[in-house]
PDB file of N, CA and C in Angstrom:
ATOM      1  N   UNK A   1      84.123-141.596 -48.588  1.00  0.00           N
ATOM      2  CA  UNK A   1      83.892-140.133 -48.224  1.00  0.00           C
ATOM      3  C   UNK A   1      83.161-139.432 -47.072  1.00  0.00           C
ATOM      4  N   UNK A   2      83.495-139.153 -46.302  1.00  0.00           N
ATOM      5  CA  UNK A   2      82.799-138.514 -45.289  1.00  0.00           C
ATOM      6  C   UNK A   2      81.704-137.501 -45.523  1.00  0.00           C
ATOM      7  N   UNK A   3      80.223-137.572 -44.951  1.00  0.00           N
ATOM      8  CA  UNK A   3      79.684-137.230 -45.169  1.00  0.00           C
ATOM      9  C   UNK A   3      79.753-134.949 -45.144  1.00  0.00           C
ATOM     10  N   UNK A   4      81.014-134.753 -44.038  1.00  0.00           N
ATOM     11  CA  UNK A   4      81.236-133.516 -43.819  1.00  0.00           C
ATOM     12  C   UNK A   4      82.065-133.442 -45.213  1.00  0.00           C
ATOM     13  N   UNK A   5      83.170-134.341 -45.265  1.00  0.00           N
ATOM     14  CA  UNK A   5      84.025-134.072 -46.707  1.00  0.00           C
ATOM     15  C   UNK A   5      83.444-133.889 -47.630  1.00  0.00           C
ATOM     16  N   UNK A   6      82.160-134.469 -48.433  1.00  0.00           N
ATOM     17  CA  UNK A   6      81.599-134.593 -49.480  1.00  0.00           C
ATOM     18  C   UNK A   6      81.017-133.116 -49.406  1.00  0.00           C
ATOM     19  N   UNK A   7      80.213-132.828 -47.955  1.00  0.00           N
ATOM     20  CA  UNK A   7      79.499-131.238 -48.299  1.00  0.00           C
ATOM     21  C   UNK A   7      80.491-130.379 -48.302  1.00  0.00           C
ATOM     22  N   UNK A   8      81.836-130.406 -47.977  1.00  0.00           N
ATOM     23  CA  UNK A   8      82.996-129.341 -48.186  1.00  0.00           C
ATOM     24  C   UNK A   8      83.685-129.321 -49.501  1.00  0.00           C
ATOM     25  N   UNK A   9      83.579-130.380 -50.341  1.00  0.00           N
ATOM     26  CA  UNK A   9      83.471-130.620 -51.622  1.00  0.00           C
ATOM     27  C   UNK A   9      83.044-129.595 -52.380  1.00  0.00           C
ATOM     28  N   UNK A  10      81.450-130.140 -51.945  1.00  0.00           N
ATOM     29  CA  UNK A  10      80.149-129.874 -52.860  1.00  0.00           C
ATOM     30  C   UNK A  10      80.809-127.951 -53.182  1.00  0.00           C
ATOM     31  N   UNK A  11      80.911-127.526 -51.572  1.00  0.00           N
ATOM     32  CA  UNK A  11      80.884-125.682 -51.255  1.00  0.00           C
ATOM     33  C   UNK A  11      82.126-125.193 -52.347  1.00  0.00           C
ATOM     34  N   UNK A  12      83.522-126.131 -52.221  1.00  0.00           N
ATOM     35  CA  UNK A  12      84.740-125.606 -52.902  1.00  0.00           C
ATOM     36  C   UNK A  12      84.276-125.685 -54.802  1.00  0.00           C
ATOM     37  N   UNK A  13      83.144-126.740 -55.053  1.00  0.00           N
ATOM     38  CA  UNK A  13      82.944-126.695 -56.246  1.00  0.00           C
ATOM     39  C   UNK A  13      81.713-125.737 -56.921  1.00  0.00           C
ATOM     40  N   UNK A  14      81.011-125.222 -55.541  1.00  0.00           N
ATOM     41  CA  UNK A  14      80.189-124.150 -55.808  1.00  0.00           C
ATOM     42  C   UNK A  14      80.893-122.712 -55.690  1.00  0.00           C
ATOM     43  N   UNK A  15      82.307-122.568 -55.232  1.00  0.00           N
ATOM     44  CA  UNK A  15      82.893-121.625 -55.116  1.00  0.00           C
ATOM     45  C   UNK A  15      83.599-121.322 -56.128  1.00  0.00           C
ATOM     46  N   UNK A  16      84.327-122.557 -56.685  1.00  0.00           N
ATOM     47  CA  UNK A  16      84.966-122.469 -57.984  1.00  0.00           C
ATOM     48  C   UNK A  16      83.757-122.148 -59.658  1.00  0.00           C
ATOM     49  N   UNK A  17      83.094-122.670 -59.237  1.00  0.00           N
ATOM     50  CA  UNK A  17      82.478-122.851 -60.416  1.00  0.00           C
ATOM     51  C   UNK A  17      81.408-121.141 -60.513  1.00  0.00           C
ATOM     52  N   UNK A  18      81.318-120.395 -59.338  1.00  0.00           N
ATOM     53  CA  UNK A  18      80.913-119.265 -59.047  1.00  0.00           C
ATOM     54  C   UNK A  18      81.851-118.429 -59.627  1.00  0.00           C
ATOM     55  N   UNK A  19      83.141-118.677 -59.345  1.00  0.00           N
ATOM     56  CA  UNK A  19      84.390-117.471 -59.894  1.00  0.00           C
ATOM     57  C   UNK A  19      84.391-117.773 -61.272  1.00  0.00           C
ATOM     58  N   UNK A  20      83.998-118.845 -61.853  1.00  0.00           N
ATOM     59  CA  UNK A  20      84.488-119.172 -63.487  1.00  0.00           C
ATOM     60  C   UNK A  20      83.462-118.677 -64.141  1.00  0.00           C
ATOM     61  N   UNK A  21      82.185-118.767 -63.710  1.00  0.00           N
ATOM     62  CA  UNK A  21      81.138-118.006 -64.242  1.00  0.00           C
ATOM     63  C   UNK A  21      81.214-116.096 -64.387  1.00  0.00           C
ATOM     64  N   UNK A  22      81.469-116.099 -63.040  1.00  0.00           N
ATOM     65  CA  UNK A  22      81.914-114.550 -63.148  1.00  0.00           C
ATOM     66  C   UNK A  22      83.223-114.339 -64.039  1.00  0.00           C
ATOM     67  N   UNK A  23      83.948-114.730 -64.184  1.00  0.00           N
ATOM     68  CA  UNK A  23      84.838-114.410 -65.373  1.00  0.00           C
ATOM     69  C   UNK A  23      84.635-114.450 -66.513  1.00  0.00           C
ATOM     70  N   UNK A  24      83.891-115.749 -67.002  1.00  0.00           N
ATOM     71  CA  UNK A  24      83.500-115.998 -68.361  1.00  0.00           C
ATOM     72  C   UNK A  24      82.208-114.977 -68.668  1.00  0.00           C
ATOM     73  N   UNK A  25      81.426-114.374 -67.917  1.00  0.00           N
ATOM     74  CA  UNK A  25      80.028-113.910 -67.863  1.00  0.00           C
ATOM     75  C   UNK A  25      80.336-112.279 -67.757  1.00  0.00           C
ATOM     76  N   UNK A  26      81.298-112.033 -66.620  1.00  0.00           N
ATOM     77  CA  UNK A  26      81.340-110.725 -66.311  1.00  0.00           C
ATOM     78  C   UNK A  26      80.035-110.206 -65.552  1.00  0.00           C
ATOM     79  N   UNK A  27      79.644-110.657 -64.727  1.00  0.00           N
ATOM     80  CA  UNK A  27      78.617-110.689 -63.766  1.00  0.00           C
ATOM     81  C   UNK A  27      78.881-111.348 -62.484  1.00  0.00           C
ATOM     82  N   UNK A  28      78.834-110.526 -61.543  1.00  0.00           N
ATOM     83  CA  UNK A  28      79.075-111.506 -60.210  1.00  0.00           C
ATOM     84  C   UNK A  28      78.156-112.342 -59.867  1.00  0.00           C
ATOM     85  N   UNK A  29      78.897-113.282 -59.992  1.00  0.00           N
ATOM     86  CA  UNK A  29      78.001-115.219 -59.537  1.00  0.00           C
ATOM     87  C   UNK A  29      78.791-115.044 -58.349  1.00  0.00           C
ATOM     88  N   UNK A  30      77.101-116.168 -57.107  1.00  0.00           N
ATOM     89  CA  UNK A  30      78.090-116.220 -55.734  1.00  0.00           C
ATOM     90  C   UNK A  30      77.424-117.780 -55.331  1.00  0.00           C
ATOM     91  N   UNK A  31      77.858-118.743 -54.677  1.00  0.00           N
ATOM     92  CA  UNK A  31      77.361-119.390 -53.680  1.00  0.00           C
ATOM     93  C   UNK A  31      75.825-119.374 -53.388  1.00  0.00           C
ATOM     94  N   UNK A  32      74.707-119.793 -53.668  1.00  0.00           N
ATOM     95  CA  UNK A  32      73.451-119.711 -53.161  1.00  0.00           C
ATOM     96  C   UNK A  32      73.492-119.349 -51.545  1.00  0.00           C
ATOM     97  N   UNK A  33      72.599-119.193 -50.798  1.00  0.00           N
ATOM     98  CA  UNK A  33      72.541-119.432 -49.769  1.00  0.00           C
ATOM     99  C   UNK A  33      71.629-120.403 -49.472  1.00  0.00           C
ATOM    100  N   UNK A  34      71.340-121.940 -49.539  1.00  0.00           N
ATOM    101  CA  UNK A  34      70.602-123.007 -49.564  1.00  0.00           C
ATOM    102  C   UNK A  34      69.973-123.160 -47.981  1.00  0.00           C
ATOM    103  N   UNK A  35      70.930-122.715 -46.957  1.00  0.00           N
ATOM    104  CA  UNK A  35      70.484-122.961 -45.433  1.00  0.00           C
ATOM    105  C   UNK A  35      69.272-121.743 -45.141  1.00  0.00           C
ATOM    106  N   UNK A  36      69.145-121.095 -45.823  1.00  0.00           N
ATOM    107  CA  UNK A  36      68.088-119.736 -44.857  1.00  0.00           C
ATOM    108  C   UNK A  36      67.126-120.110 -45.842  1.00  0.00           C
ATOM    109  N   UNK A  37      66.868-120.830 -47.062  1.00  0.00           N
ATOM    110  CA  UNK A  37      65.409-120.834 -47.478  1.00  0.00           C
ATOM    111  C   UNK A  37      65.105-120.061 -48.130  1.00  0.00           C
ATOM    112  N   UNK A  38      66.063-118.844 -48.927  1.00  0.00           N
ATOM    113  CA  UNK A  38      65.597-117.817 -49.495  1.00  0.00           C
ATOM    114  C   UNK A  38      66.052-118.201 -51.301  1.00  0.00           C
ATOM    115  N   UNK A  39      67.452-118.959 -51.138  1.00  0.00           N
ATOM    116  CA  UNK A  39      68.161-118.890 -52.558  1.00  0.00           C
ATOM    117  C   UNK A  39      67.834-120.731 -52.409  1.00  0.00           C
ATOM    118  N   UNK A  40      67.351-121.627 -53.559  1.00  0.00           N
ATOM    119  CA  UNK A  40      67.255-122.913 -53.485  1.00  0.00           C
ATOM    120  C   UNK A  40      68.408-122.954 -54.177  1.00  0.00           C
ATOM    121  N   UNK A  41      68.850-122.478 -55.597  1.00  0.00           N
ATOM    122  CA  UNK A  41      70.111-123.330 -56.351  1.00  0.00           C
ATOM    123  C   UNK A  41      71.489-122.748 -55.839  1.00  0.00           C
ATOM    124  N   UNK A  42      72.648-123.486 -56.062  1.00  0.00           N
ATOM    125  CA  UNK A  42      73.932-123.362 -55.896  1.00  0.00           C
ATOM    126  C   UNK A  42      74.701-122.645 -55.946  1.00  0.00           C
ATOM    127  N   UNK A  43      74.597-121.997 -57.383  1.00  0.00           N
ATOM    128  CA  UNK A  43      74.996-120.262 -57.831  1.00  0.00           C
ATOM    129  C   UNK A  43      73.768-119.867 -58.250  1.00  0.00           C
ATOM    130  N   UNK A  44      73.944-118.413 -57.902  1.00  0.00           N
ATOM    131  CA  UNK A  44      73.085-117.118 -58.129  1.00  0.00           C
ATOM    132  C   UNK A  44      73.779-116.004 -59.215  1.00  0.00           C
ATOM    133  N   UNK A  45      73.537-115.609 -59.738  1.00  0.00           N
ATOM    134  CA  UNK A  45      73.992-114.591 -60.647  1.00  0.00           C
ATOM    135  C   UNK A  45      73.572-114.107 -62.001  1.00  0.00           C
ATOM    136  N   UNK A  46      73.031-115.038 -62.421  1.00  0.00           N
ATOM    137  CA  UNK A  46      72.529-115.193 -63.367  1.00  0.00           C
ATOM    138  C   UNK A  46      71.101-115.252 -63.711  1.00  0.00           C
ATOM    139  N   UNK A  47      70.278-114.193 -63.832  1.00  0.00           N
ATOM    140  CA  UNK A  47      69.132-114.156 -63.929  1.00  0.00           C
ATOM    141  C   UNK A  47      68.240-114.997 -64.966  1.00  0.00           C
ATOM    142  N   UNK A  48      67.294-115.522 -64.763  1.00  0.00           N
ATOM    143  CA  UNK A  48      66.905-116.758 -65.571  1.00  0.00           C
ATOM    144  C   UNK A  48      67.207-118.031 -65.703  1.00  0.00           C
ATOM    145  N   UNK A  49      68.269-118.430 -64.877  1.00  0.00           N
ATOM    146  CA  UNK A  49      68.876-119.886 -65.132  1.00  0.00           C
ATOM    147  C   UNK A  49      68.862-120.065 -63.526  1.00  0.00           C
ATOM    148  N   UNK A  50      68.611-121.808 -63.502  1.00  0.00           N
ATOM    149  CA  UNK A  50      68.941-121.996 -62.030  1.00  0.00           C
ATOM    150  C   UNK A  50      69.493-123.037 -61.901  1.00  0.00           C
ATOM    151  N   UNK A  51      70.848-122.638 -61.713  1.00  0.00           N
ATOM    152  CA  UNK A  51      72.475-122.961 -61.863  1.00  0.00           C
ATOM    153  C   UNK A  51      72.489-124.121 -60.695  1.00  0.00           C
ATOM    154  N   UNK A  52      72.756-125.745 -60.959  1.00  0.00           N
ATOM    155  CA  UNK A  52      73.192-126.363 -59.627  1.00  0.00           C
ATOM    156  C   UNK A  52      74.604-127.136 -59.860  1.00  0.00           C
ATOM    157  N   UNK A  53      74.995-126.799 -59.035  1.00  0.00           N
ATOM    158  CA  UNK A  53      76.513-127.202 -59.386  1.00  0.00           C
ATOM    159  C   UNK A  53      76.904-128.865 -58.472  1.00  0.00           C
ATOM    160  N   UNK A  54      77.435-129.641 -59.486  1.00  0.00           N
ATOM    161  CA  UNK A  54      77.498-131.264 -58.811  1.00  0.00           C
ATOM    162  C   UNK A  54      79.213-131.583 -59.212  1.00  0.00           C
ATOM    163  N   UNK A  55      79.762-131.737 -58.068  1.00  0.00           N
ATOM    164  CA  UNK A  55      81.440-132.340 -58.051  1.00  0.00           C
ATOM    165  C   UNK A  55      81.688-133.133 -57.778  1.00  0.00           C
ATOM    166  N   UNK A  56      81.450-134.373 -58.422  1.00  0.00           N
ATOM    167  CA  UNK A  56      81.669-135.869 -58.145  1.00  0.00           C
ATOM    168  C   UNK A  56      82.330-136.640 -59.008  1.00  0.00           C
ATOM    169  N   UNK A  57      82.968-137.660 -58.757  1.00  0.00           N
ATOM    170  CA  UNK A  57      83.398-138.667 -59.663  1.00  0.00           C
ATOM    171  C   UNK A  57      82.557-139.526 -60.611  1.00  0.00           C
ATOM    172  N   UNK A  58      80.945-140.067 -59.930  1.00  0.00           N
ATOM    173  CA  UNK A  58      80.040-140.495 -60.651  1.00  0.00           C
ATOM    174  C   UNK A  58      78.558-139.484 -60.427  1.00  0.00           C
ATOM    175  N   UNK A  59      78.067-139.370 -61.726  1.00  0.00           N
ATOM    176  CA  UNK A  59      76.969-138.636 -61.412  1.00  0.00           C
ATOM    177  C   UNK A  59      75.814-139.525 -62.231  1.00  0.00           C
ATOM    178  N   UNK A  60      74.722-139.463 -61.607  1.00  0.00           N
ATOM    179  CA  UNK A  60      73.419-139.672 -62.737  1.00  0.00           C
ATOM    180  C   UNK A  60      72.780-138.726 -62.852  1.00  0.00           C
ATOM    181  N   UNK A  61      73.545-138.627 -64.459  1.00  0.00           N
ATOM    182  CA  UNK A  61      72.591-137.047 -65.069  1.00  0.00           C
ATOM    183  C   UNK A  61      71.684-137.025 -65.227  1.00  0.00           C
ATOM    184  N   UNK A  62      70.845-137.595 -65.225  1.00  0.00           N
ATOM    185  CA  UNK A  62      69.237-137.676 -65.105  1.00  0.00           C
ATOM    186  C   UNK A  62      68.595-137.426 -63.728  1.00  0.00           C
ATOM    187  N   UNK A  63      68.778-137.876 -62.668  1.00  0.00           N
ATOM    188  CA  UNK A  63      68.584-137.348 -61.651  1.00  0.00           C
ATOM    189  C   UNK A  63      68.938-135.985 -61.205  1.00  0.00           C
ATOM    190  N   UNK A  64      70.328-135.551 -61.335  1.00  0.00           N
ATOM    191  CA  UNK A  64      70.785-134.251 -60.999  1.00  0.00           C
ATOM    192  C   UNK A  64      69.818-133.259 -62.287  1.00  0.00           C
ATOM    193  N   UNK A  65      69.388-133.795 -63.063  1.00  0.00           N
ATOM    194  CA  UNK A  65      69.077-132.797 -63.973  1.00  0.00           C
ATOM    195  C   UNK A  65      67.135-132.606 -63.536  1.00  0.00           C
ATOM    196  N   UNK A  66      66.895-134.135 -63.329  1.00  0.00           N
ATOM    197  CA  UNK A  66      65.223-133.622 -62.359  1.00  0.00           C
ATOM    198  C   UNK A  66      65.099-132.846 -61.252  1.00  0.00           C
ATOM    199  N   UNK A  67      66.278-132.783 -60.502  1.00  0.00           N
ATOM    200  CA  UNK A  67      66.228-131.762 -59.313  1.00  0.00           C
ATOM    201  C   UNK A  67      66.312-130.988 -59.640  1.00  0.00           C
ATOM    202  N   UNK A  68      67.046-130.131 -60.619  1.00  0.00           N
ATOM    203  CA  UNK A  68      67.144-128.782 -60.975  1.00  0.00           C
ATOM    204  C   UNK A  68      66.117-128.560 -61.610  1.00  0.00           C
ATOM    205  N   UNK A  69      65.584-129.384 -62.489  1.00  0.00           N
ATOM    206  CA  UNK A  69      64.436-129.352 -63.220  1.00  0.00           C
ATOM    207  C   UNK A  69      62.943-128.456 -61.898  1.00  0.00           C
ATOM    208  N   UNK A  70      62.798-129.485 -61.094  1.00  0.00           N
ATOM    209  CA  UNK A  70      61.642-129.157 -59.711  1.00  0.00           C
ATOM    210  C   UNK A  70      62.382-128.237 -59.300  1.00  0.00           C
ATOM    211  N   UNK A  71      63.252-127.655 -58.999  1.00  0.00           N
ATOM    212  CA  UNK A  71      63.796-126.294 -58.262  1.00  0.00           C
ATOM    213  C   UNK A  71      63.640-125.235 -58.837  1.00  0.00           C
ATOM    214  N   UNK A  72      63.914-125.257 -60.240  1.00  0.00           N
ATOM    215  CA  UNK A  72      64.007-124.254 -61.094  1.00  0.00           C
ATOM    216  C   UNK A  72      62.643-123.452 -60.983  1.00  0.00           C
ATOM    217  N   UNK A  73      61.270-124.016 -60.863  1.00  0.00           N
ATOM    218  CA  UNK A  73      60.109-123.445 -61.342  1.00  0.00           C
ATOM    219  C   UNK A  73      59.949-123.042 -62.965  1.00  0.00           C
ATOM    220  N   UNK A  74      58.594-122.398 -62.995  1.00  0.00           N
ATOM    221  CA  UNK A  74      58.332-122.387 -64.596  1.00  0.00           C
ATOM    222  C   UNK A  74      59.078-120.942 -64.974  1.00  0.00           C
ATOM    223  N   UNK A  75      59.824-120.174 -64.359  1.00  0.00           N
ATOM    224  CA  UNK A  75      60.692-118.911 -65.114  1.00  0.00           C
ATOM    225  C   UNK A  75      62.483-118.944 -64.913  1.00  0.00           C
ATOM    226  N   UNK A  76      62.639-120.116 -64.974  1.00  0.00           N
ATOM    227  CA  UNK A  76      63.847-120.315 -65.064  1.00  0.00           C
ATOM    228  C   UNK A  76      64.501-121.357 -65.759  1.00  0.00           C
ATOM    229  N   UNK A  77      65.551-121.669 -66.714  1.00  0.00           N
ATOM    230  CA  UNK A  77      66.174-122.568 -67.175  1.00  0.00           C
ATOM    231  C   UNK A  77      66.675-123.613 -66.333  1.00  0.00           C
ATOM    232  N   UNK A  78      66.395-124.792 -66.283  1.00  0.00           N
ATOM    233  CA  UNK A  78      67.101-125.846 -65.000  1.00  0.00           C
ATOM    234  C   UNK A  78      68.948-126.116 -65.744  1.00  0.00           C
ATOM    235  N   UNK A  79      69.958-125.612 -65.065  1.00  0.00           N
ATOM    236  CA  UNK A  79      71.233-126.097 -65.385  1.00  0.00           C
ATOM    237  C   UNK A  79      71.762-126.966 -64.406  1.00  0.00           C
ATOM    238  N   UNK A  80      72.250-127.971 -65.200  1.00  0.00           N
ATOM    239  CA  UNK A  80      73.721-128.691 -63.998  1.00  0.00           C
ATOM    240  C   UNK A  80      74.798-128.610 -64.597  1.00  0.00           C
ATOM    241  N   UNK A  81      75.770-127.879 -63.644  1.00  0.00           N
ATOM    242  CA  UNK A  81      76.843-127.400 -64.204  1.00  0.00           C
ATOM    243  C   UNK A  81      77.605-128.674 -63.382  1.00  0.00           C
ATOM    244  N   UNK A  82      78.609-129.923 -63.684  1.00  0.00           N
ATOM    245  CA  UNK A  82      78.931-131.102 -63.170  1.00  0.00           C
ATOM    246  C   UNK A  82      80.546-131.005 -63.717  1.00  0.00           C
ATOM    247  N   UNK A  83      81.207-131.510 -62.742  1.00  0.00           N
ATOM    248  CA  UNK A  83      82.744-132.170 -62.980  1.00  0.00           C
ATOM    249  C   UNK A  83      83.299-133.325 -61.756  1.00  0.00           C
ATOM    250  N   UNK A  84      84.535-133.625 -62.515  1.00  0.00           N
ATOM    251  CA  UNK A  84      85.185-134.957 -61.654  1.00  0.00           C
ATOM    252  C   UNK A  84      86.167-133.945 -61.574  1.00  0.00           C
ATOM    253  N   UNK A  85      87.042-134.840 -60.561  1.00  0.00           N
ATOM    254  CA  UNK A  85      87.990-133.917 -60.117  1.00  0.00           C
ATOM    255  C   UNK A  85      89.202-134.188 -61.603  1.00  0.00           C
ATOM    256  N   UNK A  86      89.960-133.012 -61.857  1.00  0.00           N
ATOM    257  CA  UNK A  86      90.936-132.283 -63.059  1.00  0.00           C
ATOM    258  C   UNK A  86      90.736-132.708 -64.186  1.00  0.00           C
ATOM    259  N   UNK A  87      88.905-132.288 -63.997  1.00  0.00           N
ATOM    260  CA  UNK A  87      88.489-132.390 -65.134  1.00  0.00           C
ATOM    261  C   UNK A  87      87.518-131.170 -65.185  1.00  0.00           C
ATOM    262  N   UNK A  88      87.285-130.386 -67.033  1.00  0.00           N
ATOM    263  CA  UNK A  88      86.608-129.364 -66.891  1.00  0.00           C
ATOM    264  C   UNK A  88      85.416-128.973 -66.588  1.00  0.00           C
ATOM    265  N   UNK A  89      84.713-128.028 -66.123  1.00  0.00           N
ATOM    266  CA  UNK A  89      83.256-128.271 -66.238  1.00  0.00           C
ATOM    267  C   UNK A  89      81.918-128.894 -67.185  1.00  0.00           C
ATOM    268  N   UNK A  90      81.177-129.091 -67.132  1.00  0.00           N
ATOM    269  CA  UNK A  90      80.424-129.339 -68.176  1.00  0.00           C
ATOM    270  C   UNK A  90      78.943-129.035 -68.171  1.00  0.00           C
ATOM    271  N   UNK A  91      78.313-129.074 -69.126  1.00  0.00           N
ATOM    272  CA  UNK A  91      76.757-128.310 -68.592  1.00  0.00           C
ATOM    273  C   UNK A  91      75.989-129.323 -69.198  1.00  0.00           C
ATOM    274  N   UNK A  92      74.613-129.396 -68.130  1.00  0.00           N
ATOM    275  CA  UNK A  92      73.887-130.237 -68.828  1.00  0.00           C
ATOM    276  C   UNK A  92      72.436-129.445 -69.062  1.00  0.00           C
ATOM    277  N   UNK A  93      71.460-129.569 -69.701  1.00  0.00           N
ATOM    278  CA  UNK A  93      70.463-128.752 -69.753  1.00  0.00           C
ATOM    279  C   UNK A  93      69.580-129.629 -71.081  1.00  0.00           C
ATOM    280  N   UNK A  94      68.491-129.469 -71.231  1.00  0.00           N
ATOM    281  CA  UNK A  94      67.132-129.901 -71.936  1.00  0.00           C
ATOM    282  C   UNK A  94      67.417-129.169 -72.972  1.00  0.00           C
ATOM    283  N   UNK A  95      67.371-129.575 -74.256  1.00  0.00           N
ATOM    284  CA  UNK A  95      67.888-129.131 -75.611  1.00  0.00           C
ATOM    285  C   UNK A  95      66.314-127.866 -76.051  1.00  0.00           C
ATOM    286  N   UNK A  96      65.390-128.350 -75.649  1.00  0.00           N
ATOM    287  CA  UNK A  96      64.258-127.505 -75.877  1.00  0.00           C
ATOM    288  C   UNK A  96      64.750-126.081 -75.125  1.00  0.00           C
ATOM    289  N   UNK A  97      65.745-125.920 -74.176  1.00  0.00           N
ATOM    290  CA  UNK A  97      65.922-124.656 -73.125  1.00  0.00           C
ATOM    291  C   UNK A  97      67.119-124.211 -73.943  1.00  0.00           C
ATOM    292  N   UNK A  98      67.883-124.231 -74.994  1.00  0.00           N
ATOM    293  CA  UNK A  98      68.800-123.799 -75.702  1.00  0.00           C
ATOM    294  C   UNK A  98      68.463-122.351 -75.330  1.00  0.00           C
ATOM    295  N   UNK A  99      67.490-121.492 -76.556  1.00  0.00           N
ATOM    296  CA  UNK A  99      66.988-120.476 -76.373  1.00  0.00           C
ATOM    297  C   UNK A  99      67.009-119.490 -75.666  1.00  0.00           C
ATOM    298  N   UNK A 100      65.932-120.122 -74.446  1.00  0.00           N
ATOM    299  CA  UNK A 100      66.149-119.085 -73.199  1.00  0.00           C
ATOM    300  C   UNK A 100      67.554-119.167 -72.318  1.00  0.00           C
ATOM    301  N   UNK A 101      67.899-120.332 -72.697  1.00  0.00           N
ATOM    302  CA  UNK A 101      69.276-120.386 -71.928  1.00  0.00           C
ATOM    303  C   UNK A 101      70.164-119.383 -72.374  1.00  0.00           C
ATOM    304  N   UNK A 102      70.629-119.293 -74.354  1.00  0.00           N
ATOM    305  CA  UNK A 102      71.181-117.829 -74.562  1.00  0.00           C
ATOM    306  C   UNK A 102      70.570-116.772 -74.242  1.00  0.00           C
ATOM    307  N   UNK A 103      69.581-116.574 -73.932  1.00  0.00           N
ATOM    308  CA  UNK A 103      69.235-115.363 -74.003  1.00  0.00           C
ATOM    309  C   UNK A 103      69.419-114.752 -72.745  1.00  0.00           C
ATOM    310  N   UNK A 104      69.324-115.911 -71.620  1.00  0.00           N
ATOM    311  CA  UNK A 104      69.525-115.010 -70.268  1.00  0.00           C
ATOM    312  C   UNK A 104      71.080-114.855 -70.595  1.00  0.00           C
ATOM    313  N   UNK A 105      72.192-115.988 -71.235  1.00  0.00           N
ATOM    314  CA  UNK A 105      73.529-115.568 -70.891  1.00  0.00           C
ATOM    315  C   UNK A 105      73.692-114.268 -71.738  1.00  0.00           C
ATOM    316  N   UNK A 106      73.106-113.979 -72.676  1.00  0.00           N
ATOM    317  CA  UNK A 106      73.295-112.537 -73.336  1.00  0.00           C
ATOM    318  C   UNK A 106      72.762-111.341 -72.721  1.00  0.00           C
ATOM    319  N   UNK A 107      71.844-112.084 -72.059  1.00  0.00           N
ATOM    320  CA  UNK A 107      71.229-110.336 -70.909  1.00  0.00           C
ATOM    321  C   UNK A 107      72.403-110.344 -69.443  1.00  0.00           C
ATOM    322  N   UNK A 108      73.081-110.934 -69.477  1.00  0.00           N
ATOM    323  CA  UNK A 108      74.225-110.859 -68.596  1.00  0.00           C
ATOM    324  C   UNK A 108      74.960-109.669 -69.158  1.00  0.00           C
ATOM    325  N   UNK A 109      75.037-109.325 -70.538  1.00  0.00           N
ATOM    326  CA  UNK A 109      76.123-108.172 -71.478  1.00  0.00           C
ATOM    327  C   UNK A 109      77.497-109.437 -71.663  1.00  0.00           C
ATOM    328  N   UNK A 110      78.003-110.150 -71.424  1.00  0.00           N
ATOM    329  CA  UNK A 110      79.039-110.882 -71.658  1.00  0.00           C
ATOM    330  C   UNK A 110      79.408-110.898 -73.091  1.00  0.00           C
ATOM    331  N   UNK A 111      78.582-110.603 -74.054  1.00  0.00           N
ATOM    332  CA  UNK A 111      78.866-110.394 -75.374  1.00  0.00           C
ATOM    333  C   UNK A 111      78.847-109.384 -75.616  1.00  0.00           C
ATOM    334  N   UNK A 112      78.807-108.118 -75.183  1.00  0.00           N
ATOM    335  CA  UNK A 112      78.534-106.812 -75.309  1.00  0.00           C
ATOM    336  C   UNK A 112      80.162-106.239 -75.733  1.00  0.00           C
ATOM    337  N   UNK A 113      80.700-105.301 -76.628  1.00  0.00           N
ATOM    338  CA  UNK A 113      81.937-104.896 -76.627  1.00  0.00           C
ATOM    339  C   UNK A 113      81.950-103.560 -76.068  1.00  0.00           C
TER     340      UNK A 113
END
């Protein structure tokens, strides 16, 4: 796959993931604006999470997580959302971040009635 095709697939994945998170959590999620230097994550909208999106057939999960961890900084939970063609989104994160992850998701109001 060419570089442009790969970038376009990545952008489509970020839009698809943003839409899915918006529907699941009830908060507006959108693609980050990596090119302007302000937001370094692929999907924004859930405070406390640093979300990286990877839509690839072969993923080095450890390398993807380490990128998210480096970019997240000390105040956000690094999360890698990844998928293959025709497969559902999966999430990879450190087990010791599960409480902080749950708190960030709960803070969206997704579980309030």
